[in-house]
């Protein structure tokens, strides 16, 4: 999607730049007039248009698919309750460890282990 500038100066600059580029393209097409140039321009415009339409449809489909997806905040209580239930079945305590050890390497033994009584 095109993001329109919020300030008036930005809007004016966007319009001026678009006009300069557009006039430059028209002048170049006139100077290089021929069937090959016009066909190339038409194919380029068509390719840009198709790319924009495909991207917008894919973005809409992605937004629609993620509209009802649960967030991490929704799932975290389920994970914690599942961990607590499993700990209760195994002996009454839930052991929580950080995902990385004190050196920052995953899987390294950590000296700081928090034990929660259930």
C-alpha atoms as a PDB file:
ATOM      1  CA  UNK A   1       0.000   0.000   0.000  1.00  0.00           C
ATOM      2  CA  UNK A   2       1.131   3.518  -0.638  1.00  0.00           C
ATOM      3  CA  UNK A   3       1.820   5.549   2.487  1.00  0.00           C
ATOM      4  CA  UNK A   4       0.710   9.130   1.880  1.00  0.00           C
ATOM      5  CA  UNK A   5       2.861  11.692   3.716  1.00  0.00           C
ATOM      6  CA  UNK A   6       1.231  13.330   6.738  1.00  0.00           C
ATOM      7  CA  UNK A   7       2.650  16.824   6.227  1.00  0.00           C
ATOM      8  CA  UNK A   8       1.665  19.253   3.472  1.00  0.00           C
ATOM      9  CA  UNK A   9       5.301  19.730   2.466  1.00  0.00           C
ATOM     10  CA  UNK A  10       5.674  15.971   2.079  1.00  0.00           C
ATOM     11  CA  UNK A  11       2.537  15.770  -0.059  1.00  0.00           C
ATOM     12  CA  UNK A  12       3.704  18.599  -2.322  1.00  0.00           C
ATOM     13  CA  UNK A  13       7.159  17.020  -2.686  1.00  0.00           C
ATOM     14  CA  UNK A  14       5.581  13.653  -3.539  1.00  0.00           C
ATOM     15  CA  UNK A  15       3.433  15.222  -6.255  1.00  0.00           C
ATOM     16  CA  UNK A  16       6.369  17.233  -7.669  1.00  0.00           C
ATOM     17  CA  UNK A  17       8.623  14.167  -7.784  1.00  0.00           C
ATOM     18  CA  UNK A  18       5.878  12.097  -9.441  1.00  0.00           C
ATOM     19  CA  UNK A  19       5.342  14.823 -12.059  1.00  0.00           C
ATOM     20  CA  UNK A  20       9.063  15.103 -12.812  1.00  0.00           C
ATOM     21  CA  UNK A  21       9.438  11.328 -13.165  1.00  0.00           C
ATOM     22  CA  UNK A  22       6.273  11.084 -15.282  1.00  0.00           C
ATOM     23  CA  UNK A  23       7.372  13.885 -17.614  1.00  0.00           C
ATOM     24  CA  UNK A  24      10.811  12.320 -17.910  1.00  0.00           C
ATOM     25  CA  UNK A  25       9.278   8.994 -18.909  1.00  0.00           C
ATOM     26  CA  UNK A  26       7.024  10.631 -21.484  1.00  0.00           C
ATOM     27  CA  UNK A  27       9.924  12.602 -22.976  1.00  0.00           C
ATOM     28  CA  UNK A  28      12.062   9.478 -23.130  1.00  0.00           C
ATOM     29  CA  UNK A  29       9.267   7.533 -24.815  1.00  0.00           C
ATOM     30  CA  UNK A  30       8.765  10.294 -27.388  1.00  0.00           C
ATOM     31  CA  UNK A  31      12.512  10.550 -28.057  1.00  0.00           C
ATOM     32  CA  UNK A  32      12.781   6.783 -28.462  1.00  0.00           C
ATOM     33  CA  UNK A  33       9.456   6.406 -30.205  1.00  0.00           C
ATOM     34  CA  UNK A  34       8.921   3.046 -31.722  1.00  0.00           C
ATOM     35  CA  UNK A  35       6.865  -0.057 -31.280  1.00  0.00           C
ATOM     36  CA  UNK A  36       9.478  -1.786 -29.144  1.00  0.00           C
ATOM     37  CA  UNK A  37       9.559   1.069 -26.604  1.00  0.00           C
ATOM     38  CA  UNK A  38       5.784   1.191 -26.225  1.00  0.00           C
ATOM     39  CA  UNK A  39       5.481  -2.575 -25.897  1.00  0.00           C
ATOM     40  CA  UNK A  40       8.239  -2.587 -23.268  1.00  0.00           C
ATOM     41  CA  UNK A  41       6.519   0.194 -21.317  1.00  0.00           C
ATOM     42  CA  UNK A  42       3.171  -1.595 -21.519  1.00  0.00           C
ATOM     43  CA  UNK A  43       4.690  -4.852 -20.270  1.00  0.00           C
ATOM     44  CA  UNK A  44       6.458  -3.031 -17.415  1.00  0.00           C
ATOM     45  CA  UNK A  45       3.245  -1.283 -16.337  1.00  0.00           C
ATOM     46  CA  UNK A  46       1.314  -4.552 -16.545  1.00  0.00           C
ATOM     47  CA  UNK A  47       3.954  -6.375 -14.498  1.00  0.00           C
ATOM     48  CA  UNK A  48       3.854  -3.708 -11.780  1.00  0.00           C
ATOM     49  CA  UNK A  49       0.054  -3.782 -11.720  1.00  0.00           C
ATOM     50  CA  UNK A  50      -0.070  -7.588 -11.447  1.00  0.00           C
ATOM     51  CA  UNK A  51       2.565  -7.552  -8.704  1.00  0.00           C
ATOM     52  CA  UNK A  52       0.602  -5.000  -6.688  1.00  0.00           C
ATOM     53  CA  UNK A  53      -2.670  -6.921  -7.069  1.00  0.00           C
ATOM     54  CA  UNK A  54      -1.057 -10.239  -6.082  1.00  0.00           C
ATOM     55  CA  UNK A  55       0.654  -8.655  -3.078  1.00  0.00           C
ATOM     56  CA  UNK A  56      -2.575  -7.039  -1.858  1.00  0.00           C
ATOM     57  CA  UNK A  57      -4.525 -10.293  -2.202  1.00  0.00           C
ATOM     58  CA  UNK A  58      -1.828 -12.205  -0.334  1.00  0.00           C
ATOM     59  CA  UNK A  59      -1.778  -9.555   2.404  1.00  0.00           C
ATOM     60  CA  UNK A  60      -5.569  -9.680   2.759  1.00  0.00           C
ATOM     61  CA  UNK A  61      -5.489 -13.487   2.959  1.00  0.00           C
ATOM     62  CA  UNK A  62      -2.762 -13.335   5.596  1.00  0.00           C
ATOM     63  CA  UNK A  63      -4.674 -10.751   7.624  1.00  0.00           C
ATOM     64  CA  UNK A  64      -7.837 -12.843   7.411  1.00  0.00           C
ATOM     65  CA  UNK A  65      -5.997 -16.000   8.480  1.00  0.00           C
ATOM     66  CA  UNK A  66      -4.376 -14.275  11.461  1.00  0.00           C
ATOM     67  CA  UNK A  67      -7.498 -12.404  12.584  1.00  0.00           C
ATOM     68  CA  UNK A  68      -8.643 -15.100  15.022  1.00  0.00           C
ATOM     69  CA  UNK A  69      -5.244 -16.620  15.788  1.00  0.00           C
ATOM     70  CA  UNK A  70      -4.403 -16.732  19.500  1.00  0.00           C
ATOM     71  CA  UNK A  71      -1.621 -14.503  20.744  1.00  0.00           C
ATOM     72  CA  UNK A  72       1.246 -15.497  23.022  1.00  0.00           C
ATOM     73  CA  UNK A  73      -0.544 -13.831  25.938  1.00  0.00           C
ATOM     74  CA  UNK A  74      -3.534 -16.126  25.326  1.00  0.00           C
ATOM     75  CA  UNK A  75      -1.431 -19.307  25.271  1.00  0.00           C
ATOM     76  CA  UNK A  76       0.944 -18.591  28.156  1.00  0.00           C
ATOM     77  CA  UNK A  77      -1.577 -19.359  30.947  1.00  0.00           C
ATOM     78  CA  UNK A  78      -2.357 -22.694  29.270  1.00  0.00           C
ATOM     79  CA  UNK A  79       1.345 -23.578  29.180  1.00  0.00           C
ATOM     80  CA  UNK A  80       1.797 -22.632  32.820  1.00  0.00           C
ATOM     81  CA  UNK A  81      -1.231 -24.609  33.965  1.00  0.00           C
ATOM     82  CA  UNK A  82      -0.110 -27.622  31.922  1.00  0.00           C
ATOM     83  CA  UNK A  83       3.369 -27.407  33.478  1.00  0.00           C
ATOM     84  CA  UNK A  84       1.875 -27.123  36.964  1.00  0.00           C
ATOM     85  CA  UNK A  85      -0.422 -30.123  36.400  1.00  0.00           C
ATOM     86  CA  UNK A  86       2.489 -32.200  35.143  1.00  0.00           C
ATOM     87  CA  UNK A  87       4.573 -31.200  38.157  1.00  0.00           C
ATOM     88  CA  UNK A  88       1.715 -32.092  40.501  1.00  0.00           C
ATOM     89  CA  UNK A  89       1.477 -35.548  38.936  1.00  0.00           C
ATOM     90  CA  UNK A  90       5.222 -36.147  39.278  1.00  0.00           C
ATOM     91  CA  UNK A  91       5.830 -35.037  42.808  1.00  0.00           C
ATOM     92  CA  UNK A  92       4.391 -31.735  43.792  1.00  0.00           C
ATOM     93  CA  UNK A  93       6.990 -29.202  42.653  1.00  0.00           C
ATOM     94  CA  UNK A  94       7.417 -27.347  39.402  1.00  0.00           C
ATOM     95  CA  UNK A  95      10.996 -26.609  38.387  1.00  0.00           C
ATOM     96  CA  UNK A  96      11.463 -23.606  36.123  1.00  0.00           C
ATOM     97  CA  UNK A  97      14.735 -22.876  34.385  1.00  0.00           C
ATOM     98  CA  UNK A  98      15.695 -20.079  32.056  1.00  0.00           C
ATOM     99  CA  UNK A  99      15.929 -21.146  28.423  1.00  0.00           C
ATOM    100  CA  UNK A 100      19.615 -20.236  28.350  1.00  0.00           C
ATOM    101  CA  UNK A 101      22.240 -20.734  30.987  1.00  0.00           C
ATOM    102  CA  UNK A 102      24.346 -18.044  32.644  1.00  0.00           C
ATOM    103  CA  UNK A 103      26.827 -18.152  29.756  1.00  0.00           C
ATOM    104  CA  UNK A 104      24.067 -17.681  27.214  1.00  0.00           C
ATOM    105  CA  UNK A 105      24.393 -21.141  25.667  1.00  0.00           C
ATOM    106  CA  UNK A 106      21.232 -23.180  25.330  1.00  0.00           C
ATOM    107  CA  UNK A 107      21.345 -26.557  27.009  1.00  0.00           C
ATOM    108  CA  UNK A 108      24.114 -25.621  29.441  1.00  0.00           C
ATOM    109  CA  UNK A 109      23.436 -26.476  33.074  1.00  0.00           C
ATOM    110  CA  UNK A 110      22.137 -23.490  34.957  1.00  0.00           C
ATOM    111  CA  UNK A 111      23.039 -22.845  38.582  1.00  0.00           C
ATOM    112  CA  UNK A 112      20.012 -20.600  39.158  1.00  0.00           C
ATOM    113  CA  UNK A 113      17.035 -22.953  39.303  1.00  0.00           C
ATOM    114  CA  UNK A 114      13.762 -21.683  40.739  1.00  0.00           C
ATOM    115  CA  UNK A 115      11.587 -24.233  42.519  1.00  0.00           C
ATOM    116  CA  UNK A 116       7.889 -23.511  43.003  1.00  0.00           C
ATOM    117  CA  UNK A 117       5.804 -25.417  45.498  1.00  0.00           C
ATOM    118  CA  UNK A 118       2.466 -26.497  44.040  1.00  0.00           C
END
